[in-house]
PDB file of N, CA and C in Angstrom:
ATOM      1  N   MET A   1      10.413  -4.360 -15.046  1.00  0.00           N
ATOM      2  CA  MET A   1      10.471  -5.478 -14.488  1.00  0.00           C
ATOM      3  C   MET A   1       9.607  -5.174 -13.694  1.00  0.00           C
ATOM      4  N   PRO A   2       8.735  -6.283 -13.082  1.00  0.00           N
ATOM      5  CA  PRO A   2       7.823  -5.980 -12.193  1.00  0.00           C
ATOM      6  C   PRO A   2       8.157  -5.823 -10.694  1.00  0.00           C
ATOM      7  N   MET A   3       7.265  -5.362  -9.721  1.00  0.00           N
ATOM      8  CA  MET A   3       7.672  -5.031  -8.422  1.00  0.00           C
ATOM      9  C   MET A   3       7.381  -6.412  -7.613  1.00  0.00           C
ATOM     10  N   ASP A   4       7.807  -6.922  -6.837  1.00  0.00           N
ATOM     11  CA  ASP A   4       7.726  -7.913  -5.848  1.00  0.00           C
ATOM     12  C   ASP A   4       6.506  -7.516  -4.360  1.00  0.00           C
ATOM     13  N   ALA A   5       5.906  -8.175  -4.043  1.00  0.00           N
ATOM     14  CA  ALA A   5       4.763  -8.032  -2.980  1.00  0.00           C
ATOM     15  C   ALA A   5       5.449  -7.746  -1.519  1.00  0.00           C
ATOM     16  N   ARG A   6       6.695  -8.296  -1.491  1.00  0.00           N
ATOM     17  CA  ARG A   6       7.545  -8.114  -0.293  1.00  0.00           C
ATOM     18  C   ARG A   6       8.288  -6.696  -0.364  1.00  0.00           C
ATOM     19  N   GLU A   7       8.558  -6.127  -1.380  1.00  0.00           N
ATOM     20  CA  GLU A   7       9.119  -4.822  -1.877  1.00  0.00           C
ATOM     21  C   GLU A   7       7.804  -3.841  -1.443  1.00  0.00           C
ATOM     22  N   ILE A   8       6.813  -4.327  -2.014  1.00  0.00           N
ATOM     23  CA  ILE A   8       5.437  -2.837  -1.911  1.00  0.00           C
ATOM     24  C   ILE A   8       5.292  -3.166  -0.217  1.00  0.00           C
ATOM     25  N   GLU A   9       5.408  -4.149   0.638  1.00  0.00           N
ATOM     26  CA  GLU A   9       5.196  -4.548   2.074  1.00  0.00           C
ATOM     27  C   GLU A   9       6.120  -3.606   2.856  1.00  0.00           C
ATOM     28  N   THR A  10       7.575  -4.095   2.587  1.00  0.00           N
ATOM     29  CA  THR A  10       8.222  -3.110   2.913  1.00  0.00           C
ATOM     30  C   THR A  10       8.544  -1.766   2.860  1.00  0.00           C
ATOM     31  N   MET A  11       8.402  -1.182   1.903  1.00  0.00           N
ATOM     32  CA  MET A  11       8.131   0.284   1.584  1.00  0.00           C
ATOM     33  C   MET A  11       6.883   1.078   2.760  1.00  0.00           C
ATOM     34  N   ILE A  12       5.735   0.025   2.301  1.00  0.00           N
ATOM     35  CA  ILE A  12       4.634   0.754   2.863  1.00  0.00           C
ATOM     36  C   ILE A  12       5.094   0.798   4.485  1.00  0.00           C
ATOM     37  N   LYS A  13       5.732  -0.419   5.211  1.00  0.00           N
ATOM     38  CA  LYS A  13       5.749  -0.729   6.509  1.00  0.00           C
ATOM     39  C   LYS A  13       6.783   0.515   7.172  1.00  0.00           C
ATOM     40  N   ALA A  14       7.568   1.026   6.212  1.00  0.00           N
ATOM     41  CA  ALA A  14       9.123   2.036   6.326  1.00  0.00           C
ATOM     42  C   ALA A  14       8.180   3.092   6.745  1.00  0.00           C
ATOM     43  N   ALA A  15       7.251   3.541   5.978  1.00  0.00           N
ATOM     44  CA  ALA A  15       6.588   5.050   6.070  1.00  0.00           C
ATOM     45  C   ALA A  15       5.444   4.685   7.214  1.00  0.00           C
ATOM     46  N   LEU A  16       4.840   3.815   7.457  1.00  0.00           N
ATOM     47  CA  LEU A  16       3.930   3.615   8.461  1.00  0.00           C
ATOM     48  C   LEU A  16       4.621   2.039   9.405  1.00  0.00           C
ATOM     49  N   PRO A  17       5.266   2.506  10.431  1.00  0.00           N
ATOM     50  CA  PRO A  17       5.557   1.491  11.008  1.00  0.00           C
ATOM     51  C   PRO A  17       4.760   0.426  11.741  1.00  0.00           C
ATOM     52  N   ASP A  18       3.531   0.658  12.197  1.00  0.00           N
ATOM     53  CA  ASP A  18       2.377   0.073  12.569  1.00  0.00           C
ATOM     54  C   ASP A  18       1.316  -0.513  11.719  1.00  0.00           C
ATOM     55  N   ALA A  19       2.125  -0.423  10.586  1.00  0.00           N
ATOM     56  CA  ALA A  19       0.888  -1.099   9.484  1.00  0.00           C
ATOM     57  C   ALA A  19       1.108  -2.324   9.419  1.00  0.00           C
ATOM     58  N   VAL A  20      -0.420  -2.578   9.266  1.00  0.00           N
ATOM     59  CA  VAL A  20      -0.702  -4.319   9.135  1.00  0.00           C
ATOM     60  C   VAL A  20      -0.740  -4.530   7.559  1.00  0.00           C
ATOM     61  N   VAL A  21       0.071  -4.950   6.568  1.00  0.00           N
ATOM     62  CA  VAL A  21      -0.204  -4.869   5.165  1.00  0.00           C
ATOM     63  C   VAL A  21      -0.447  -6.444   4.878  1.00  0.00           C
ATOM     64  N   GLU A  22      -1.632  -6.747   3.753  1.00  0.00           N
ATOM     65  CA  GLU A  22      -1.746  -7.458   3.370  1.00  0.00           C
ATOM     66  C   GLU A  22      -1.973  -7.650   2.029  1.00  0.00           C
ATOM     67  N   ILE A  23      -0.821  -8.328   0.904  1.00  0.00           N
ATOM     68  CA  ILE A  23      -0.904  -7.869  -0.560  1.00  0.00           C
ATOM     69  C   ILE A  23      -1.473  -9.284  -1.383  1.00  0.00           C
ATOM     70  N   LYS A  24      -2.296  -9.177  -2.302  1.00  0.00           N
ATOM     71  CA  LYS A  24      -2.272 -10.367  -3.217  1.00  0.00           C
ATOM     72  C   LYS A  24      -1.858  -9.931  -4.556  1.00  0.00           C
ATOM     73  N   ASP A  25      -1.379 -11.290  -5.401  1.00  0.00           N
ATOM     74  CA  ASP A  25      -0.854 -10.435  -6.789  1.00  0.00           C
ATOM     75  C   ASP A  25      -2.220 -11.007  -7.290  1.00  0.00           C
ATOM     76  N   LEU A  26      -2.833 -10.206  -8.278  1.00  0.00           N
ATOM     77  CA  LEU A  26      -4.207 -10.464  -8.787  1.00  0.00           C
ATOM     78  C   LEU A  26      -4.087 -11.249  -9.851  1.00  0.00           C
ATOM     79  N   ALA A  27      -2.913 -11.021 -10.555  1.00  0.00           N
ATOM     80  CA  ALA A  27      -2.953 -11.816 -12.207  1.00  0.00           C
ATOM     81  C   ALA A  27      -1.765 -12.559 -12.106  1.00  0.00           C
ATOM     82  N   GLY A  28      -1.032 -12.589 -10.991  1.00  0.00           N
ATOM     83  CA  GLY A  28      -0.135 -13.722 -10.971  1.00  0.00           C
ATOM     84  C   GLY A  28       1.457 -13.037 -11.920  1.00  0.00           C
ATOM     85  N   ASP A  29       1.257 -11.833 -12.159  1.00  0.00           N
ATOM     86  CA  ASP A  29       2.213 -11.261 -13.390  1.00  0.00           C
ATOM     87  C   ASP A  29       3.109 -10.233 -12.328  1.00  0.00           C
ATOM     88  N   GLY A  30       2.748 -10.194 -10.999  1.00  0.00           N
ATOM     89  CA  GLY A  30       3.689  -9.124 -10.397  1.00  0.00           C
ATOM     90  C   GLY A  30       3.558  -7.499 -10.854  1.00  0.00           C
ATOM     91  N   ASP A  31       2.277  -7.180 -11.647  1.00  0.00           N
ATOM     92  CA  ASP A  31       2.217  -6.117 -11.952  1.00  0.00           C
ATOM     93  C   ASP A  31       0.566  -5.584 -11.251  1.00  0.00           C
ATOM     94  N   HIS A  32       0.042  -6.616 -11.074  1.00  0.00           N
ATOM     95  CA  HIS A  32      -1.579  -5.923 -10.390  1.00  0.00           C
ATOM     96  C   HIS A  32      -1.482  -6.524  -9.304  1.00  0.00           C
ATOM     97  N   TYR A  33      -1.506  -5.811  -8.292  1.00  0.00           N
ATOM     98  CA  TYR A  33      -2.076  -6.368  -6.736  1.00  0.00           C
ATOM     99  C   TYR A  33      -3.367  -5.667  -5.923  1.00  0.00           C
ATOM    100  N   ALA A  34      -3.574  -6.129  -5.055  1.00  0.00           N
ATOM    101  CA  ALA A  34      -4.750  -5.755  -4.090  1.00  0.00           C
ATOM    102  C   ALA A  34      -3.849  -5.447  -2.957  1.00  0.00           C
ATOM    103  N   ALA A  35      -4.312  -4.504  -1.772  1.00  0.00           N
ATOM    104  CA  ALA A  35      -3.381  -4.265  -0.466  1.00  0.00           C
ATOM    105  C   ALA A  35      -4.291  -3.708   0.226  1.00  0.00           C
ATOM    106  N   THR A  36      -4.501  -4.505   1.317  1.00  0.00           N
ATOM    107  CA  THR A  36      -4.946  -4.064   2.619  1.00  0.00           C
ATOM    108  C   THR A  36      -4.103  -3.501   3.331  1.00  0.00           C
ATOM    109  N   VAL A  37      -4.242  -2.246   3.860  1.00  0.00           N
ATOM    110  CA  VAL A  37      -3.514  -1.755   4.762  1.00  0.00           C
ATOM    111  C   VAL A  37      -4.400  -1.019   5.979  1.00  0.00           C
ATOM    112  N   THR A  38      -4.009  -1.460   7.231  1.00  0.00           N
ATOM    113  CA  THR A  38      -4.512  -1.182   8.281  1.00  0.00           C
ATOM    114  C   THR A  38      -3.215  -0.362   9.107  1.00  0.00           C
ATOM    115  N   SER A  39      -3.537   1.203   9.736  1.00  0.00           N
ATOM    116  CA  SER A  39      -2.579   1.968  10.319  1.00  0.00           C
ATOM    117  C   SER A  39      -3.676   2.851  11.353  1.00  0.00           C
ATOM    118  N   GLY A  40      -2.675   2.819  12.648  1.00  0.00           N
ATOM    119  CA  GLY A  40      -3.047   3.993  13.624  1.00  0.00           C
ATOM    120  C   GLY A  40      -3.078   5.312  12.966  1.00  0.00           C
ATOM    121  N   ALA A  41      -2.078   5.330  11.759  1.00  0.00           N
ATOM    122  CA  ALA A  41      -1.473   6.689  11.601  1.00  0.00           C
ATOM    123  C   ALA A  41      -2.957   7.615  10.143  1.00  0.00           C
ATOM    124  N   PHE A  42      -3.664   6.469  10.085  1.00  0.00           N
ATOM    125  CA  PHE A  42      -5.080   6.533   9.357  1.00  0.00           C
ATOM    126  C   PHE A  42      -6.181   7.233   9.941  1.00  0.00           C
ATOM    127  N   LYS A  43      -6.062   7.700  11.332  1.00  0.00           N
ATOM    128  CA  LYS A  43      -7.139   7.818  12.281  1.00  0.00           C
ATOM    129  C   LYS A  43      -7.362   9.180  12.221  1.00  0.00           C
ATOM    130  N   GLY A  44      -8.638   9.676  11.553  1.00  0.00           N
ATOM    131  CA  GLY A  44      -8.816  11.344  11.844  1.00  0.00           C
ATOM    132  C   GLY A  44      -8.569  11.637   9.894  1.00  0.00           C
ATOM    133  N   LYS A  45      -7.916  10.682   9.106  1.00  0.00           N
ATOM    134  CA  LYS A  45      -7.755  11.266   7.633  1.00  0.00           C
ATOM    135  C   LYS A  45      -9.035  10.738   6.933  1.00  0.00           C
ATOM    136  N   SER A  46      -9.452  11.110   5.937  1.00  0.00           N
ATOM    137  CA  SER A  46      -9.854  10.782   4.846  1.00  0.00           C
ATOM    138  C   SER A  46      -9.313   9.715   4.191  1.00  0.00           C
ATOM    139  N   ARG A  47     -10.226   9.266   3.521  1.00  0.00           N
ATOM    140  CA  ARG A  47     -10.053   7.973   2.463  1.00  0.00           C
ATOM    141  C   ARG A  47      -8.926   8.269   1.775  1.00  0.00           C
ATOM    142  N   VAL A  48      -8.944   9.583   0.940  1.00  0.00           N
ATOM    143  CA  VAL A  48      -8.253   9.870  -0.142  1.00  0.00           C
ATOM    144  C   VAL A  48      -7.079  10.214   0.505  1.00  0.00           C
ATOM    145  N   GLN A  49      -6.806  11.010   1.844  1.00  0.00           N
ATOM    146  CA  GLN A  49      -5.501  11.458   2.183  1.00  0.00           C
ATOM    147  C   GLN A  49      -4.826   9.959   2.890  1.00  0.00           C
ATOM    148  N   GLN A  50      -5.742   9.033   3.221  1.00  0.00           N
ATOM    149  CA  GLN A  50      -5.129   7.676   3.593  1.00  0.00           C
ATOM    150  C   GLN A  50      -4.478   6.705   2.201  1.00  0.00           C
ATOM    151  N   HIS A  51      -4.904   6.753   1.499  1.00  0.00           N
ATOM    152  CA  HIS A  51      -4.605   6.536  -0.002  1.00  0.00           C
ATOM    153  C   HIS A  51      -3.278   7.251  -0.609  1.00  0.00           C
ATOM    154  N   GLN A  52      -3.469   8.468  -0.178  1.00  0.00           N
ATOM    155  CA  GLN A  52      -2.164   9.567  -0.457  1.00  0.00           C
ATOM    156  C   GLN A  52      -0.954   9.068   0.294  1.00  0.00           C
ATOM    157  N   MET A  53      -1.034   8.560   1.508  1.00  0.00           N
ATOM    158  CA  MET A  53      -0.308   8.099   2.326  1.00  0.00           C
ATOM    159  C   MET A  53       0.425   7.071   1.956  1.00  0.00           C
ATOM    160  N   VAL A  54      -0.036   6.216   1.369  1.00  0.00           N
ATOM    161  CA  VAL A  54       0.230   4.751   1.186  1.00  0.00           C
ATOM    162  C   VAL A  54       0.996   5.212  -0.279  1.00  0.00           C
ATOM    163  N   TYR A  55       0.143   5.793  -1.315  1.00  0.00           N
ATOM    164  CA  TYR A  55       0.782   6.133  -2.368  1.00  0.00           C
ATOM    165  C   TYR A  55       2.380   6.978  -2.178  1.00  0.00           C
ATOM    166  N   ALA A  56       2.506   7.626  -1.336  1.00  0.00           N
ATOM    167  CA  ALA A  56       3.836   8.456  -0.910  1.00  0.00           C
ATOM    168  C   ALA A  56       4.629   7.386  -0.222  1.00  0.00           C
ATOM    169  N   ALA A  57       4.325   6.909   0.015  1.00  0.00           N
ATOM    170  CA  ALA A  57       5.352   5.316   1.035  1.00  0.00           C
ATOM    171  C   ALA A  57       5.942   4.517  -0.511  1.00  0.00           C
ATOM    172  N   LEU A  58       5.079   4.588  -1.728  1.00  0.00           N
ATOM    173  CA  LEU A  58       5.756   3.811  -2.741  1.00  0.00           C
ATOM    174  C   LEU A  58       6.505   5.076  -3.420  1.00  0.00           C
ATOM    175  N   GLN A  59       6.662   5.714  -3.289  1.00  0.00           N
ATOM    176  CA  GLN A  59       7.698   6.665  -3.853  1.00  0.00           C
ATOM    177  C   GLN A  59       7.523   6.477  -5.057  1.00  0.00           C
ATOM    178  N   GLY A  60       6.727   6.879  -5.614  1.00  0.00           N
ATOM    179  CA  GLY A  60       6.232   7.475  -7.127  1.00  0.00           C
ATOM    180  C   GLY A  60       6.714   5.506  -8.050  1.00  0.00           C
ATOM    181  N   ARG A  61       6.476   4.984  -7.489  1.00  0.00           N
ATOM    182  CA  ARG A  61       6.601   3.592  -8.350  1.00  0.00           C
ATOM    183  C   ARG A  61       5.129   3.437  -8.914  1.00  0.00           C
ATOM    184  N   MET A  62       4.254   3.811  -8.329  1.00  0.00           N
ATOM    185  CA  MET A  62       2.650   3.827  -8.894  1.00  0.00           C
ATOM    186  C   MET A  62       2.645   4.254 -10.575  1.00  0.00           C
ATOM    187  N   GLY A  63       1.963   3.155 -11.291  1.00  0.00           N
ATOM    188  CA  GLY A  63       1.717   3.795 -12.816  1.00  0.00           C
ATOM    189  C   GLY A  63       3.196   3.514 -13.402  1.00  0.00           C
ATOM    190  N   GLY A  64       4.218   3.005 -12.483  1.00  0.00           N
ATOM    191  CA  GLY A  64       5.492   3.074 -13.410  1.00  0.00           C
ATOM    192  C   GLY A  64       5.698   1.225 -13.458  1.00  0.00           C
ATOM    193  N   VAL A  65       6.643   1.148 -12.265  1.00  0.00           N
ATOM    194  CA  VAL A  65       7.225  -0.362 -12.118  1.00  0.00           C
ATOM    195  C   VAL A  65       5.716  -0.963 -11.591  1.00  0.00           C
ATOM    196  N   LEU A  66       5.086  -0.464 -10.668  1.00  0.00           N
ATOM    197  CA  LEU A  66       3.849  -0.747 -10.315  1.00  0.00           C
ATOM    198  C   LEU A  66       2.576  -0.568 -11.264  1.00  0.00           C
ATOM    199  N   HIS A  67       2.251  -1.278 -11.670  1.00  0.00           N
ATOM    200  CA  HIS A  67       1.045  -0.830 -12.926  1.00  0.00           C
ATOM    201  C   HIS A  67      -0.290  -0.516 -11.920  1.00  0.00           C
ATOM    202  N   ALA A  68      -0.860  -1.575 -11.118  1.00  0.00           N
ATOM    203  CA  ALA A  68      -1.961  -1.374 -10.479  1.00  0.00           C
ATOM    204  C   ALA A  68      -2.161  -2.079  -8.883  1.00  0.00           C
ATOM    205  N   LEU A  69      -2.703  -1.097  -8.276  1.00  0.00           N
ATOM    206  CA  LEU A  69      -2.858  -1.301  -7.124  1.00  0.00           C
ATOM    207  C   LEU A  69      -4.207  -0.967  -6.522  1.00  0.00           C
ATOM    208  N   ALA A  70      -4.734  -2.066  -6.241  1.00  0.00           N
ATOM    209  CA  ALA A  70      -6.002  -1.973  -5.716  1.00  0.00           C
ATOM    210  C   ALA A  70      -6.379  -1.910  -4.159  1.00  0.00           C
ATOM    211  N   LEU A  71      -6.288  -0.725  -3.896  1.00  0.00           N
ATOM    212  CA  LEU A  71      -6.142  -0.216  -2.312  1.00  0.00           C
ATOM    213  C   LEU A  71      -7.304  -0.156  -1.376  1.00  0.00           C
ATOM    214  N   THR A  72      -7.201  -0.946  -0.434  1.00  0.00           N
ATOM    215  CA  THR A  72      -8.014  -0.293   0.889  1.00  0.00           C
ATOM    216  C   THR A  72      -7.527  -0.606   2.106  1.00  0.00           C
ATOM    217  N   THR A  73      -7.915   0.726   2.509  1.00  0.00           N
ATOM    218  CA  THR A  73      -7.148   1.237   3.685  1.00  0.00           C
ATOM    219  C   THR A  73      -7.932   1.486   5.157  1.00  0.00           C
ATOM    220  N   LEU A  74      -7.717   1.202   6.233  1.00  0.00           N
ATOM    221  CA  LEU A  74      -8.483   1.248   7.638  1.00  0.00           C
ATOM    222  C   LEU A  74      -7.541   1.942   8.624  1.00  0.00           C
ATOM    223  N   ALA A  75      -8.027   2.644   9.472  1.00  0.00           N
ATOM    224  CA  ALA A  75      -7.790   3.165  10.763  1.00  0.00           C
ATOM    225  C   ALA A  75      -7.478   1.681  11.813  1.00  0.00           C
ATOM    226  N   SER A  76      -6.869   1.713  12.439  1.00  0.00           N
ATOM    227  CA  SER A  76      -6.598   0.875  13.839  1.00  0.00           C
ATOM    228  C   SER A  76      -7.122   1.828  14.658  1.00  0.00           C
ATOM    229  N   GLU A  77      -7.522   1.043  15.943  1.00  0.00           N
ATOM    230  CA  GLU A  77      -7.788   1.761  17.130  1.00  0.00           C
ATOM    231  C   GLU A  77      -7.031   2.081  17.940  1.00  0.00           C
ATOM    232  N   THR A  78      -5.463   1.334  17.249  1.00  0.00           N
ATOM    233  CA  THR A  78      -4.258   1.860  18.599  1.00  0.00           C
ATOM    234  C   THR A  78      -3.309   2.879  17.776  1.00  0.00           C
TER     235      THR A  78
END
């Protein structure tokens, strides 16, 4: 069963409360998304560490319920 974009956003915001999350369904199938996540928690972290934080927020759903996520992370100034 595909994962809803709102569910992805909710899970990310639960782990990163200050996050601004923008999600696009790339194929219209609920399996292929692009997400831009901006958070102050990313400040001082490498891009790999930032992505790991987002993947951890998704609690193991990547590669299963959520087939593909093109991820862009940005550190906010606040």
